């Protein structure tokens, strides 16, 4: 079982990256801001499609390690697919980490 500190570290690593759903899925859009080296702010929209009937939405198992993925939409109309290792082999722990990560993405602005 991961500690809160480990969970926060995984989420922080995900949020520092610069880089599927169904017809009935709930779609969440969230604006986040990323400060570039030249102090310009880049608005990034995180788009999530959550299918409540799929408990493993946004996660997959790659050789025994669970990963989470989501898409960021950039102001220049391009998108960036973000992949984050959840560093666990346990699906229940991966789901909790995924939920924490997605909640952090949709509830905070990054500066």
C-alpha atoms as a PDB file:
ATOM      1  CA  UNK A   1       0.000   0.000   0.000  1.00  0.00           C
ATOM      2  CA  UNK A   2       1.301   3.440  -0.920  1.00  0.00           C
ATOM      3  CA  UNK A   3       1.576   6.254   1.574  1.00  0.00           C
ATOM      4  CA  UNK A   4       0.040   9.676   0.967  1.00  0.00           C
ATOM      5  CA  UNK A   5       3.533  11.008   0.300  1.00  0.00           C
ATOM      6  CA  UNK A   6       4.134   8.421  -2.438  1.00  0.00           C
ATOM      7  CA  UNK A   7       0.736   9.176  -3.989  1.00  0.00           C
ATOM      8  CA  UNK A   8       1.494  12.906  -3.957  1.00  0.00           C
ATOM      9  CA  UNK A   9       4.915  12.283  -5.573  1.00  0.00           C
ATOM     10  CA  UNK A  10       3.309  10.322  -8.419  1.00  0.00           C
ATOM     11  CA  UNK A  11       0.737  13.077  -8.939  1.00  0.00           C
ATOM     12  CA  UNK A  12       3.410  15.788  -8.857  1.00  0.00           C
ATOM     13  CA  UNK A  13       5.473  13.909 -11.451  1.00  0.00           C
ATOM     14  CA  UNK A  14       2.411  13.633 -13.656  1.00  0.00           C
ATOM     15  CA  UNK A  15       1.552  17.303 -13.323  1.00  0.00           C
ATOM     16  CA  UNK A  16       5.104  18.328 -14.145  1.00  0.00           C
ATOM     17  CA  UNK A  17       5.046  16.528 -17.503  1.00  0.00           C
ATOM     18  CA  UNK A  18       4.978  18.766 -20.528  1.00  0.00           C
ATOM     19  CA  UNK A  19       3.625  16.430 -22.453  1.00  0.00           C
ATOM     20  CA  UNK A  20     -11.186   6.158 -24.881  1.00  0.00           C
ATOM     21  CA  UNK A  21     -14.373   6.669 -23.616  1.00  0.00           C
ATOM     22  CA  UNK A  22     -17.891   5.586 -24.536  1.00  0.00           C
ATOM     23  CA  UNK A  23     -20.965   7.234 -25.968  1.00  0.00           C
ATOM     24  CA  UNK A  24     -22.491   7.645 -22.496  1.00  0.00           C
ATOM     25  CA  UNK A  25     -19.245   8.834 -20.932  1.00  0.00           C
ATOM     26  CA  UNK A  26     -19.055  11.954 -18.801  1.00  0.00           C
ATOM     27  CA  UNK A  27     -16.656  14.498 -20.338  1.00  0.00           C
ATOM     28  CA  UNK A  28     -14.604  16.748 -18.084  1.00  0.00           C
ATOM     29  CA  UNK A  29     -12.649  19.762 -19.333  1.00  0.00           C
ATOM     30  CA  UNK A  30     -10.210  21.563 -17.120  1.00  0.00           C
ATOM     31  CA  UNK A  31      -7.924  24.494 -17.788  1.00  0.00           C
ATOM     32  CA  UNK A  32      -4.449  24.377 -16.329  1.00  0.00           C
ATOM     33  CA  UNK A  33      -1.639  26.835 -16.784  1.00  0.00           C
ATOM     34  CA  UNK A  34       1.957  25.960 -17.459  1.00  0.00           C
ATOM     35  CA  UNK A  35       4.653  28.615 -17.127  1.00  0.00           C
ATOM     36  CA  UNK A  36       7.271  28.405 -19.838  1.00  0.00           C
ATOM     37  CA  UNK A  37      10.955  29.278 -19.439  1.00  0.00           C
ATOM     38  CA  UNK A  38      10.357  32.745 -20.898  1.00  0.00           C
ATOM     39  CA  UNK A  39       7.669  33.395 -18.212  1.00  0.00           C
ATOM     40  CA  UNK A  40       4.826  33.156 -20.717  1.00  0.00           C
ATOM     41  CA  UNK A  41       1.816  31.222 -19.470  1.00  0.00           C
ATOM     42  CA  UNK A  42       0.458  28.431 -21.626  1.00  0.00           C
ATOM     43  CA  UNK A  43      -3.194  27.481 -21.073  1.00  0.00           C
ATOM     44  CA  UNK A  44      -3.662  23.741 -21.302  1.00  0.00           C
ATOM     45  CA  UNK A  45      -7.079  22.088 -21.295  1.00  0.00           C
ATOM     46  CA  UNK A  46      -7.254  18.591 -19.835  1.00  0.00           C
ATOM     47  CA  UNK A  47     -10.024  16.552 -21.386  1.00  0.00           C
ATOM     48  CA  UNK A  48     -11.248  13.377 -19.700  1.00  0.00           C
ATOM     49  CA  UNK A  49     -13.972  10.983 -20.806  1.00  0.00           C
ATOM     50  CA  UNK A  50     -15.007   8.841 -17.875  1.00  0.00           C
ATOM     51  CA  UNK A  51     -17.077   5.715 -18.502  1.00  0.00           C
ATOM     52  CA  UNK A  52     -18.672   4.817 -15.144  1.00  0.00           C
ATOM     53  CA  UNK A  53     -19.296   1.238 -16.301  1.00  0.00           C
ATOM     54  CA  UNK A  54     -15.545   0.686 -16.797  1.00  0.00           C
ATOM     55  CA  UNK A  55     -13.684   0.587 -13.450  1.00  0.00           C
ATOM     56  CA  UNK A  56     -10.347   0.616 -15.301  1.00  0.00           C
ATOM     57  CA  UNK A  57     -10.919   3.781 -17.334  1.00  0.00           C
ATOM     58  CA  UNK A  58      -7.676   5.693 -17.981  1.00  0.00           C
ATOM     59  CA  UNK A  59      -5.454   2.856 -16.689  1.00  0.00           C
ATOM     60  CA  UNK A  60      -3.793  -0.155 -18.270  1.00  0.00           C
ATOM     61  CA  UNK A  61      -1.404  -2.863 -17.151  1.00  0.00           C
ATOM     62  CA  UNK A  62       1.954  -2.942 -18.945  1.00  0.00           C
ATOM     63  CA  UNK A  63       4.000  -5.998 -17.955  1.00  0.00           C
ATOM     64  CA  UNK A  64       2.728  -5.980 -14.375  1.00  0.00           C
ATOM     65  CA  UNK A  65       2.824  -2.212 -13.748  1.00  0.00           C
ATOM     66  CA  UNK A  66      -0.303  -0.071 -13.957  1.00  0.00           C
ATOM     67  CA  UNK A  67      -0.188   3.178 -15.940  1.00  0.00           C
ATOM     68  CA  UNK A  68      -2.604   6.099 -16.251  1.00  0.00           C
ATOM     69  CA  UNK A  69      -3.197   8.178 -19.388  1.00  0.00           C
ATOM     70  CA  UNK A  70      -5.012  11.380 -20.276  1.00  0.00           C
ATOM     71  CA  UNK A  71      -4.954  14.031 -23.016  1.00  0.00           C
ATOM     72  CA  UNK A  72      -3.998  17.695 -22.778  1.00  0.00           C
ATOM     73  CA  UNK A  73      -5.298  20.115 -25.436  1.00  0.00           C
ATOM     74  CA  UNK A  74      -2.924  22.988 -26.121  1.00  0.00           C
ATOM     75  CA  UNK A  75      -3.773  26.538 -27.288  1.00  0.00           C
ATOM     76  CA  UNK A  76      -2.207  25.918 -30.704  1.00  0.00           C
ATOM     77  CA  UNK A  77      -4.903  23.265 -31.357  1.00  0.00           C
ATOM     78  CA  UNK A  78      -2.535  20.367 -30.861  1.00  0.00           C
ATOM     79  CA  UNK A  79      -2.839  17.736 -28.173  1.00  0.00           C
ATOM     80  CA  UNK A  80      -0.415  15.935 -25.933  1.00  0.00           C
ATOM     81  CA  UNK A  81      -1.041  12.416 -24.697  1.00  0.00           C
ATOM     82  CA  UNK A  82       0.318  12.032 -21.162  1.00  0.00           C
ATOM     83  CA  UNK A  83       1.280   8.633 -19.745  1.00  0.00           C
ATOM     84  CA  UNK A  84       2.143   8.232 -16.047  1.00  0.00           C
ATOM     85  CA  UNK A  85       3.371   5.112 -14.263  1.00  0.00           C
ATOM     86  CA  UNK A  86       1.352   4.433 -11.116  1.00  0.00           C
ATOM     87  CA  UNK A  87       4.212   2.255  -9.861  1.00  0.00           C
ATOM     88  CA  UNK A  88       1.988  -0.533  -8.607  1.00  0.00           C
ATOM     89  CA  UNK A  89       1.019  -4.016  -9.689  1.00  0.00           C
ATOM     90  CA  UNK A  90      -2.222  -3.936  -7.707  1.00  0.00           C
ATOM     91  CA  UNK A  91      -5.332  -2.953  -9.676  1.00  0.00           C
ATOM     92  CA  UNK A  92      -7.214  -1.615  -6.624  1.00  0.00           C
ATOM     93  CA  UNK A  93      -4.254   0.605  -5.682  1.00  0.00           C
ATOM     94  CA  UNK A  94      -3.961   1.720  -9.324  1.00  0.00           C
ATOM     95  CA  UNK A  95      -7.624   2.753  -9.353  1.00  0.00           C
ATOM     96  CA  UNK A  96      -7.183   4.805  -6.168  1.00  0.00           C
ATOM     97  CA  UNK A  97      -4.044   6.483  -7.538  1.00  0.00           C
ATOM     98  CA  UNK A  98      -5.812   7.174 -10.843  1.00  0.00           C
ATOM     99  CA  UNK A  99      -8.767   8.723  -9.019  1.00  0.00           C
ATOM    100  CA  UNK A 100      -6.432  10.922  -6.952  1.00  0.00           C
ATOM    101  CA  UNK A 101      -4.477  11.972 -10.043  1.00  0.00           C
ATOM    102  CA  UNK A 102      -7.564  12.822 -12.098  1.00  0.00           C
ATOM    103  CA  UNK A 103      -9.101  14.690  -9.152  1.00  0.00           C
ATOM    104  CA  UNK A 104      -5.912  16.731  -8.823  1.00  0.00           C
ATOM    105  CA  UNK A 105      -5.925  17.514 -12.539  1.00  0.00           C
ATOM    106  CA  UNK A 106      -9.535  18.679 -12.513  1.00  0.00           C
ATOM    107  CA  UNK A 107      -9.423  20.599  -9.215  1.00  0.00           C
ATOM    108  CA  UNK A 108      -6.254  22.681  -9.384  1.00  0.00           C
ATOM    109  CA  UNK A 109      -4.503  25.192 -11.585  1.00  0.00           C
ATOM    110  CA  UNK A 110      -0.830  24.676 -12.281  1.00  0.00           C
ATOM    111  CA  UNK A 111       1.373  27.768 -12.421  1.00  0.00           C
END
